[in-house]
Amino acid sequence: MKLPVIKQIQRTSSAGEIETAIKVLEATSEAATLKEADLDVIGELISNMCGALEVHQLVTSGLSEKDALNTFMKKVMGSIDV
């Protein structure tokens, strides 16, 4: 996950657009001809978009963008420590 990418997606896309992009990438990842490197890139994109969607929802619920990003990153770091 890359915070600058998550921030850019969150700022420039609606929740619906992000969800649609995730669905398209998930469907694309099922193509039999994809190599492992391709799947890694798709996985990274999906991961960033899921992060952006979560930040988007936090902002919609009333947090500032900065607080939403910090909350999201704390959650991510907490899951890594476990």
N, C-alpha and C. Protein backbone atom coordinates (compact mmCIF):
# COMPACT_ATOMS: atom_id res chain seq x y z
N MET A 1 0.84 -1.18 0.00
CA MET A 1 0.00 0.00 0.00
C MET A 1 0.88 1.24 0.00
N LYS A 2 0.43 2.21 -0.74
CA LYS A 2 1.17 3.46 -0.84
C LYS A 2 0.23 4.60 -0.50
N LEU A 3 0.53 5.28 0.59
CA LEU A 3 -0.33 6.35 1.09
C LEU A 3 -0.57 7.45 0.05
N PRO A 4 0.45 7.90 -0.69
CA PRO A 4 0.18 8.94 -1.71
C PRO A 4 -0.81 8.46 -2.77
N VAL A 5 -0.75 7.19 -3.13
CA VAL A 5 -1.68 6.65 -4.13
C VAL A 5 -3.09 6.60 -3.55
N ILE A 6 -3.19 6.13 -2.30
CA ILE A 6 -4.49 6.06 -1.63
C ILE A 6 -5.10 7.45 -1.55
N LYS A 7 -4.29 8.43 -1.17
CA LYS A 7 -4.77 9.80 -1.05
C LYS A 7 -5.26 10.34 -2.40
N GLN A 8 -4.51 10.08 -3.46
CA GLN A 8 -4.89 10.55 -4.80
C GLN A 8 -6.20 9.92 -5.26
N ILE A 9 -6.34 8.62 -5.06
CA ILE A 9 -7.58 7.94 -5.46
C ILE A 9 -8.75 8.49 -4.67
N GLN A 10 -8.57 8.64 -3.37
CA GLN A 10 -9.65 9.13 -2.50
C GLN A 10 -10.09 10.54 -2.89
N ARG A 11 -9.13 11.37 -3.25
CA ARG A 11 -9.44 12.76 -3.59
C ARG A 11 -10.14 12.90 -4.94
N THR A 12 -9.83 12.01 -5.87
CA THR A 12 -10.28 12.21 -7.25
C THR A 12 -11.41 11.28 -7.70
N SER A 13 -11.83 10.37 -6.82
CA SER A 13 -12.84 9.39 -7.23
C SER A 13 -13.94 9.28 -6.20
N SER A 14 -15.13 9.01 -6.66
CA SER A 14 -16.25 8.76 -5.75
C SER A 14 -16.15 7.32 -5.24
N ALA A 15 -16.88 7.03 -4.18
CA ALA A 15 -16.90 5.67 -3.64
C ALA A 15 -17.39 4.68 -4.70
N GLY A 16 -18.40 5.07 -5.45
CA GLY A 16 -18.93 4.20 -6.50
C GLY A 16 -17.90 3.91 -7.58
N GLU A 17 -17.14 4.92 -7.96
CA GLU A 17 -16.10 4.72 -8.98
C GLU A 17 -15.02 3.77 -8.46
N ILE A 18 -14.65 3.93 -7.21
CA ILE A 18 -13.62 3.06 -6.62
C ILE A 18 -14.13 1.62 -6.58
N GLU A 19 -15.37 1.43 -6.14
CA GLU A 19 -15.95 0.09 -6.08
C GLU A 19 -16.00 -0.56 -7.46
N THR A 20 -16.36 0.21 -8.46
CA THR A 20 -16.41 -0.31 -9.83
C THR A 20 -15.03 -0.71 -10.31
N ALA A 21 -14.04 0.12 -10.04
CA ALA A 21 -12.67 -0.20 -10.45
C ALA A 21 -12.17 -1.47 -9.77
N ILE A 22 -12.50 -1.64 -8.50
CA ILE A 22 -12.10 -2.85 -7.78
C ILE A 22 -12.73 -4.08 -8.43
N LYS A 23 -14.01 -4.00 -8.77
CA LYS A 23 -14.70 -5.13 -9.41
C LYS A 23 -14.04 -5.47 -10.75
N VAL A 24 -13.70 -4.45 -11.52
CA VAL A 24 -13.06 -4.68 -12.82
C VAL A 24 -11.70 -5.36 -12.64
N LEU A 25 -10.92 -4.87 -11.68
CA LEU A 25 -9.61 -5.48 -11.45
C LEU A 25 -9.74 -6.92 -10.93
N GLU A 26 -10.71 -7.16 -10.07
CA GLU A 26 -10.93 -8.53 -9.58
C GLU A 26 -11.28 -9.46 -10.74
N ALA A 27 -12.15 -9.01 -11.62
CA ALA A 27 -12.53 -9.82 -12.78
C ALA A 27 -11.33 -10.04 -13.70
N THR A 28 -10.54 -9.01 -13.89
CA THR A 28 -9.36 -9.10 -14.74
C THR A 28 -8.35 -10.10 -14.18
N SER A 29 -8.24 -10.14 -12.87
CA SER A 29 -7.25 -11.01 -12.23
C SER A 29 -7.56 -12.50 -12.46
N GLU A 30 -8.74 -12.81 -12.91
CA GLU A 30 -9.13 -14.20 -13.14
C GLU A 30 -8.75 -14.70 -14.53
N ALA A 31 -8.16 -13.84 -15.34
CA ALA A 31 -7.75 -14.25 -16.68
C ALA A 31 -6.63 -15.29 -16.57
N ALA A 32 -6.77 -16.36 -17.30
CA ALA A 32 -5.82 -17.48 -17.20
C ALA A 32 -4.42 -17.14 -17.72
N THR A 33 -4.33 -16.16 -18.58
CA THR A 33 -3.04 -15.86 -19.21
C THR A 33 -2.15 -14.91 -18.42
N LEU A 34 -2.63 -14.43 -17.29
CA LEU A 34 -1.83 -13.49 -16.50
C LEU A 34 -0.66 -14.19 -15.83
N LYS A 35 0.46 -13.49 -15.80
CA LYS A 35 1.64 -14.00 -15.11
C LYS A 35 1.61 -13.52 -13.66
N GLU A 36 2.46 -14.10 -12.84
CA GLU A 36 2.52 -13.76 -11.42
C GLU A 36 2.81 -12.27 -11.21
N ALA A 37 3.68 -11.70 -12.01
CA ALA A 37 4.01 -10.27 -11.89
C ALA A 37 2.77 -9.41 -12.17
N ASP A 38 1.99 -9.82 -13.15
CA ASP A 38 0.75 -9.09 -13.46
C ASP A 38 -0.21 -9.15 -12.29
N LEU A 39 -0.34 -10.32 -11.69
CA LEU A 39 -1.24 -10.49 -10.54
C LEU A 39 -0.76 -9.66 -9.35
N ASP A 40 0.56 -9.55 -9.19
CA ASP A 40 1.10 -8.72 -8.10
C ASP A 40 0.71 -7.26 -8.28
N VAL A 41 0.79 -6.77 -9.51
CA VAL A 41 0.43 -5.38 -9.80
C VAL A 41 -1.06 -5.17 -9.57
N ILE A 42 -1.87 -6.08 -10.06
CA ILE A 42 -3.32 -5.97 -9.86
C ILE A 42 -3.65 -6.01 -8.37
N GLY A 43 -2.99 -6.89 -7.63
CA GLY A 43 -3.22 -6.97 -6.19
C GLY A 43 -2.85 -5.68 -5.48
N GLU A 44 -1.76 -5.07 -5.88
CA GLU A 44 -1.34 -3.79 -5.28
C GLU A 44 -2.37 -2.70 -5.60
N LEU A 45 -2.86 -2.68 -6.82
CA LEU A 45 -3.88 -1.69 -7.20
C LEU A 45 -5.16 -1.89 -6.38
N ILE A 46 -5.59 -3.13 -6.26
CA ILE A 46 -6.80 -3.42 -5.48
C ILE A 46 -6.60 -3.00 -4.03
N SER A 47 -5.44 -3.30 -3.49
CA SER A 47 -5.13 -2.95 -2.10
C SER A 47 -5.20 -1.43 -1.89
N ASN A 48 -4.62 -0.68 -2.80
CA ASN A 48 -4.66 0.78 -2.70
C ASN A 48 -6.08 1.31 -2.85
N MET A 49 -6.85 0.72 -3.73
CA MET A 49 -8.23 1.17 -3.92
C MET A 49 -9.10 0.84 -2.72
N CYS A 50 -8.88 -0.32 -2.11
CA CYS A 50 -9.63 -0.67 -0.89
C CYS A 50 -9.28 0.31 0.23
N GLY A 51 -8.01 0.68 0.32
CA GLY A 51 -7.59 1.68 1.30
C GLY A 51 -8.24 3.03 1.03
N ALA A 52 -8.27 3.43 -0.24
CA ALA A 52 -8.90 4.69 -0.60
C ALA A 52 -10.39 4.68 -0.29
N LEU A 53 -11.03 3.55 -0.52
CA LEU A 53 -12.46 3.43 -0.22
C LEU A 53 -12.71 3.58 1.28
N GLU A 54 -11.86 2.96 2.08
CA GLU A 54 -12.02 3.08 3.53
C GLU A 54 -11.78 4.51 4.00
N VAL A 55 -10.76 5.17 3.46
CA VAL A 55 -10.49 6.56 3.82
C VAL A 55 -11.66 7.43 3.36
N HIS A 56 -12.17 7.16 2.19
CA HIS A 56 -13.32 7.91 1.66
C HIS A 56 -14.50 7.82 2.62
N GLN A 57 -14.76 6.60 3.12
CA GLN A 57 -15.87 6.40 4.05
C GLN A 57 -15.64 7.12 5.37
N LEU A 58 -14.39 7.15 5.84
CA LEU A 58 -14.08 7.87 7.08
C LEU A 58 -14.29 9.37 6.91
N VAL A 59 -13.89 9.89 5.75
CA VAL A 59 -14.09 11.32 5.48
C VAL A 59 -15.58 11.63 5.39
N THR A 60 -16.33 10.76 4.73
CA THR A 60 -17.77 10.94 4.62
C THR A 60 -18.45 10.93 5.99
N SER A 61 -17.89 10.15 6.92
CA SER A 61 -18.47 10.08 8.27
C SER A 61 -18.10 11.28 9.13
N GLY A 62 -17.27 12.18 8.60
CA GLY A 62 -17.00 13.41 9.32
C GLY A 62 -15.55 13.68 9.71
N LEU A 63 -14.66 12.72 9.50
CA LEU A 63 -13.25 12.97 9.84
C LEU A 63 -12.61 13.85 8.77
N SER A 64 -11.61 14.60 9.18
CA SER A 64 -10.83 15.34 8.19
C SER A 64 -10.01 14.33 7.39
N GLU A 65 -9.55 14.73 6.22
CA GLU A 65 -8.76 13.81 5.40
C GLU A 65 -7.52 13.35 6.17
N LYS A 66 -6.86 14.27 6.84
CA LYS A 66 -5.65 13.93 7.60
C LYS A 66 -5.97 12.90 8.68
N ASP A 67 -7.03 13.12 9.44
CA ASP A 67 -7.40 12.18 10.50
C ASP A 67 -7.84 10.83 9.93
N ALA A 68 -8.53 10.86 8.81
CA ALA A 68 -8.97 9.62 8.17
C ALA A 68 -7.76 8.81 7.70
N LEU A 69 -6.79 9.48 7.10
CA LEU A 69 -5.58 8.79 6.65
C LEU A 69 -4.80 8.22 7.83
N ASN A 70 -4.69 9.01 8.90
CA ASN A 70 -3.99 8.53 10.10
C ASN A 70 -4.71 7.34 10.72
N THR A 71 -6.03 7.41 10.81
CA THR A 71 -6.82 6.31 11.36
C THR A 71 -6.62 5.05 10.53
N PHE A 72 -6.66 5.20 9.23
CA PHE A 72 -6.48 4.06 8.34
C PHE A 72 -5.09 3.45 8.51
N MET A 73 -4.06 4.28 8.53
CA MET A 73 -2.69 3.77 8.65
C MET A 73 -2.46 3.10 10.00
N LYS A 74 -3.06 3.63 11.06
CA LYS A 74 -2.95 2.98 12.38
C LYS A 74 -3.58 1.60 12.33
N LYS A 75 -4.71 1.50 11.65
CA LYS A 75 -5.39 0.21 11.52
C LYS A 75 -4.51 -0.78 10.76
N VAL A 76 -3.91 -0.31 9.67
CA VAL A 76 -3.03 -1.16 8.88
C VAL A 76 -1.82 -1.61 9.69
N MET A 77 -1.19 -0.66 10.38
CA MET A 77 -0.02 -0.99 11.19
C MET A 77 -0.38 -1.93 12.33
N GLY A 78 -1.56 -1.75 12.90
CA GLY A 78 -2.03 -2.64 13.96
C GLY A 78 -2.23 -4.05 13.47
N SER A 79 -2.70 -4.20 12.23
CA SER A 79 -2.92 -5.54 11.69
C SER A 79 -1.61 -6.22 11.35
N ILE A 80 -0.58 -5.44 11.07
CA ILE A 80 0.74 -6.01 10.76
C ILE A 80 1.40 -6.52 12.03
N ASP A 81 1.19 -5.81 13.14
CA ASP A 81 1.81 -6.19 14.41
C ASP A 81 1.26 -7.49 14.96
N VAL A 82 0.03 -7.84 14.57
CA VAL A 82 -0.63 -9.03 15.13
C VAL A 82 -0.02 -10.29 14.60
